[in-house]
Amino acid sequence: MINRRGMFVRAIRGPILLITIGTLFVWQQANVISFARTWPSILIVLGILKLLERIASPVAYVPPPQPPAGGFTR
């Protein structure tokens, strides 16, 4: 089954990162704040996007393999 929310989050990851980096560089050029102090926000945005991606995708439970019914066989 295709999960549209998971696909949507993956599709907007690149544009959101570009907007974030562009905003940080604009703030540096305007002498609002230095990029050296704002680069952790890129990591925060990446973390939020990964969290959203994990929330949006369904968790598929795969049970561990069961041993044979008669015990160990060669």
N, C-alpha and C. Protein backbone atom coordinates (compact mmCIF):
# COMPACT_ATOMS: atom_id res chain seq x y z
N MET A 1 0.84 -1.18 0.00
CA MET A 1 0.00 0.00 0.00
C MET A 1 0.89 1.25 0.00
N ILE A 2 0.56 2.17 -0.83
CA ILE A 2 1.33 3.40 -0.95
C ILE A 2 0.90 4.37 0.15
N ASN A 3 1.89 4.93 0.85
CA ASN A 3 1.60 5.88 1.90
C ASN A 3 1.87 7.29 1.36
N ARG A 4 0.82 8.04 1.12
CA ARG A 4 0.97 9.36 0.50
C ARG A 4 1.62 10.37 1.44
N ARG A 5 1.34 10.28 2.74
CA ARG A 5 1.94 11.24 3.67
C ARG A 5 3.45 11.05 3.74
N GLY A 6 3.91 9.81 3.78
CA GLY A 6 5.34 9.55 3.80
C GLY A 6 6.03 10.04 2.53
N MET A 7 5.36 9.82 1.40
CA MET A 7 5.92 10.30 0.13
C MET A 7 5.95 11.82 0.09
N PHE A 8 4.92 12.47 0.66
CA PHE A 8 4.87 13.92 0.67
C PHE A 8 6.00 14.50 1.52
N VAL A 9 6.25 13.91 2.67
CA VAL A 9 7.33 14.41 3.53
C VAL A 9 8.67 14.25 2.84
N ARG A 10 8.89 13.11 2.16
CA ARG A 10 10.14 12.93 1.43
C ARG A 10 10.26 13.91 0.27
N ALA A 11 9.14 14.25 -0.36
CA ALA A 11 9.17 15.16 -1.50
C ALA A 11 9.48 16.60 -1.09
N ILE A 12 9.06 17.00 0.11
CA ILE A 12 9.29 18.40 0.51
C ILE A 12 10.58 18.57 1.29
N ARG A 13 11.31 17.49 1.55
CA ARG A 13 12.55 17.59 2.32
C ARG A 13 13.57 18.51 1.64
N GLY A 14 13.81 18.33 0.36
CA GLY A 14 14.78 19.16 -0.36
C GLY A 14 14.41 20.63 -0.39
N PRO A 15 13.18 20.97 -0.81
CA PRO A 15 12.80 22.38 -0.83
C PRO A 15 12.85 23.04 0.55
N ILE A 16 12.46 22.33 1.60
CA ILE A 16 12.52 22.93 2.93
C ILE A 16 13.96 23.19 3.35
N LEU A 17 14.87 22.26 3.03
CA LEU A 17 16.28 22.48 3.35
C LEU A 17 16.85 23.66 2.57
N LEU A 18 16.50 23.78 1.30
CA LEU A 18 16.98 24.92 0.51
C LEU A 18 16.45 26.24 1.05
N ILE A 19 15.19 26.28 1.45
CA ILE A 19 14.62 27.50 2.03
C ILE A 19 15.32 27.84 3.34
N THR A 20 15.60 26.83 4.16
CA THR A 20 16.28 27.06 5.43
C THR A 20 17.68 27.61 5.22
N ILE A 21 18.45 26.98 4.34
CA ILE A 21 19.81 27.44 4.08
C ILE A 21 19.80 28.83 3.45
N GLY A 22 18.89 29.06 2.53
CA GLY A 22 18.79 30.39 1.91
C GLY A 22 18.45 31.46 2.92
N THR A 23 17.53 31.16 3.83
CA THR A 23 17.17 32.13 4.87
C THR A 23 18.36 32.43 5.77
N LEU A 24 19.13 31.41 6.12
CA LEU A 24 20.30 31.63 6.97
C LEU A 24 21.34 32.50 6.27
N PHE A 25 21.55 32.27 4.98
CA PHE A 25 22.51 33.10 4.24
C PHE A 25 22.01 34.53 4.07
N VAL A 26 20.71 34.72 3.89
CA VAL A 26 20.16 36.08 3.81
C VAL A 26 20.37 36.81 5.12
N TRP A 27 20.14 36.12 6.24
CA TRP A 27 20.36 36.74 7.55
C TRP A 27 21.82 37.12 7.75
N GLN A 28 22.74 36.28 7.21
CA GLN A 28 24.16 36.61 7.33
C GLN A 28 24.49 37.83 6.47
N GLN A 29 23.98 37.89 5.25
CA GLN A 29 24.27 39.02 4.36
C GLN A 29 23.68 40.32 4.90
N ALA A 30 22.57 40.23 5.62
CA ALA A 30 21.95 41.42 6.19
C ALA A 30 22.56 41.78 7.54
N ASN A 31 23.59 41.03 7.95
CA ASN A 31 24.27 41.25 9.23
C ASN A 31 23.31 41.14 10.41
N VAL A 32 22.29 40.29 10.28
CA VAL A 32 21.37 40.05 11.40
C VAL A 32 22.04 39.10 12.38
N ILE A 33 22.54 37.99 11.85
CA ILE A 33 23.23 37.01 12.68
C ILE A 33 24.19 36.23 11.80
N SER A 34 25.27 35.76 12.38
CA SER A 34 26.31 35.05 11.64
C SER A 34 25.87 33.61 11.32
N PHE A 35 26.26 33.13 10.15
CA PHE A 35 25.94 31.75 9.78
C PHE A 35 26.60 30.76 10.74
N ALA A 36 27.75 31.14 11.29
CA ALA A 36 28.46 30.27 12.23
C ALA A 36 27.62 29.99 13.47
N ARG A 37 26.70 30.88 13.79
CA ARG A 37 25.85 30.69 14.97
C ARG A 37 24.52 30.03 14.62
N THR A 38 24.16 29.99 13.35
CA THR A 38 22.84 29.47 12.99
C THR A 38 22.88 28.11 12.30
N TRP A 39 24.06 27.56 11.99
CA TRP A 39 24.10 26.28 11.29
C TRP A 39 23.44 25.15 12.05
N PRO A 40 23.38 25.16 13.39
CA PRO A 40 22.65 24.06 14.06
C PRO A 40 21.16 24.01 13.70
N SER A 41 20.62 25.11 13.22
CA SER A 41 19.21 25.08 12.82
C SER A 41 18.99 24.14 11.63
N ILE A 42 20.01 23.94 10.81
CA ILE A 42 19.90 22.99 9.70
C ILE A 42 19.73 21.58 10.27
N LEU A 43 20.49 21.26 11.31
CA LEU A 43 20.36 19.95 11.94
C LEU A 43 18.99 19.78 12.58
N ILE A 44 18.48 20.85 13.17
CA ILE A 44 17.15 20.80 13.79
C ILE A 44 16.08 20.55 12.73
N VAL A 45 16.17 21.26 11.59
CA VAL A 45 15.20 21.06 10.51
C VAL A 45 15.30 19.64 9.96
N LEU A 46 16.50 19.12 9.80
CA LEU A 46 16.67 17.74 9.34
C LEU A 46 16.03 16.76 10.32
N GLY A 47 16.24 16.99 11.60
CA GLY A 47 15.66 16.12 12.61
C GLY A 47 14.14 16.15 12.60
N ILE A 48 13.57 17.34 12.45
CA ILE A 48 12.12 17.46 12.39
C ILE A 48 11.56 16.75 11.17
N LEU A 49 12.23 16.89 10.03
CA LEU A 49 11.78 16.22 8.82
C LEU A 49 11.86 14.70 8.95
N LYS A 50 12.94 14.18 9.55
CA LYS A 50 13.05 12.75 9.76
C LYS A 50 11.98 12.25 10.72
N LEU A 51 11.68 13.04 11.76
CA LEU A 51 10.63 12.67 12.69
C LEU A 51 9.27 12.62 11.99
N LEU A 52 8.98 13.62 11.17
CA LEU A 52 7.72 13.63 10.43
C LEU A 52 7.64 12.45 9.46
N GLU A 53 8.76 12.13 8.83
CA GLU A 53 8.79 11.00 7.90
C GLU A 53 8.51 9.69 8.64
N ARG A 54 9.07 9.55 9.82
CA ARG A 54 8.86 8.33 10.59
C ARG A 54 7.43 8.23 11.10
N ILE A 55 6.86 9.37 11.49
CA ILE A 55 5.48 9.38 11.96
C ILE A 55 4.53 9.07 10.81
N ALA A 56 4.82 9.58 9.62
CA ALA A 56 3.92 9.42 8.48
C ALA A 56 3.96 8.02 7.90
N SER A 57 5.06 7.32 8.03
CA SER A 57 5.15 6.00 7.42
C SER A 57 4.66 4.94 8.41
N PRO A 58 3.87 3.99 7.93
CA PRO A 58 3.36 2.96 8.84
C PRO A 58 4.48 2.01 9.26
N VAL A 59 4.37 1.50 10.44
CA VAL A 59 5.36 0.56 10.95
C VAL A 59 4.90 -0.85 10.61
N ALA A 60 5.72 -1.54 9.89
CA ALA A 60 5.39 -2.91 9.52
C ALA A 60 6.09 -3.85 10.50
N TYR A 61 5.31 -4.61 11.25
CA TYR A 61 5.88 -5.55 12.21
C TYR A 61 6.13 -6.88 11.50
N VAL A 62 7.36 -7.33 11.57
CA VAL A 62 7.72 -8.63 11.00
C VAL A 62 8.15 -9.51 12.17
N PRO A 63 7.37 -10.55 12.44
CA PRO A 63 7.73 -11.41 13.57
C PRO A 63 9.02 -12.18 13.28
N PRO A 64 9.78 -12.51 14.33
CA PRO A 64 11.02 -13.27 14.10
C PRO A 64 10.69 -14.68 13.63
N PRO A 65 11.60 -15.30 12.91
CA PRO A 65 11.34 -16.66 12.42
C PRO A 65 11.24 -17.64 13.59
N GLN A 66 10.32 -18.58 13.46
CA GLN A 66 10.10 -19.58 14.50
C GLN A 66 10.98 -20.80 14.23
N PRO A 67 11.50 -21.42 15.30
CA PRO A 67 12.30 -22.64 15.08
C PRO A 67 11.39 -23.78 14.63
N PRO A 68 11.95 -24.80 14.02
CA PRO A 68 11.13 -25.93 13.59
C PRO A 68 10.43 -26.59 14.78
N ALA A 69 9.27 -27.19 14.53
CA ALA A 69 8.44 -27.76 15.60
C ALA A 69 9.11 -28.96 16.25
N GLY A 70 9.89 -29.73 15.53
CA GLY A 70 10.50 -30.94 16.08
C GLY A 70 11.84 -30.71 16.73
N GLY A 71 12.23 -29.52 16.93
CA GLY A 71 13.54 -29.23 17.51
C GLY A 71 14.55 -28.97 16.41
N PHE A 72 15.80 -29.12 16.75
CA PHE A 72 16.88 -28.87 15.77
C PHE A 72 17.03 -30.07 14.86
N THR A 73 17.16 -29.82 13.57
CA THR A 73 17.37 -30.87 12.60
C THR A 73 18.60 -30.56 11.80
N ARG A 74 19.19 -31.60 11.26
CA ARG A 74 20.38 -31.40 10.44
C ARG A 74 20.05 -31.58 9.00
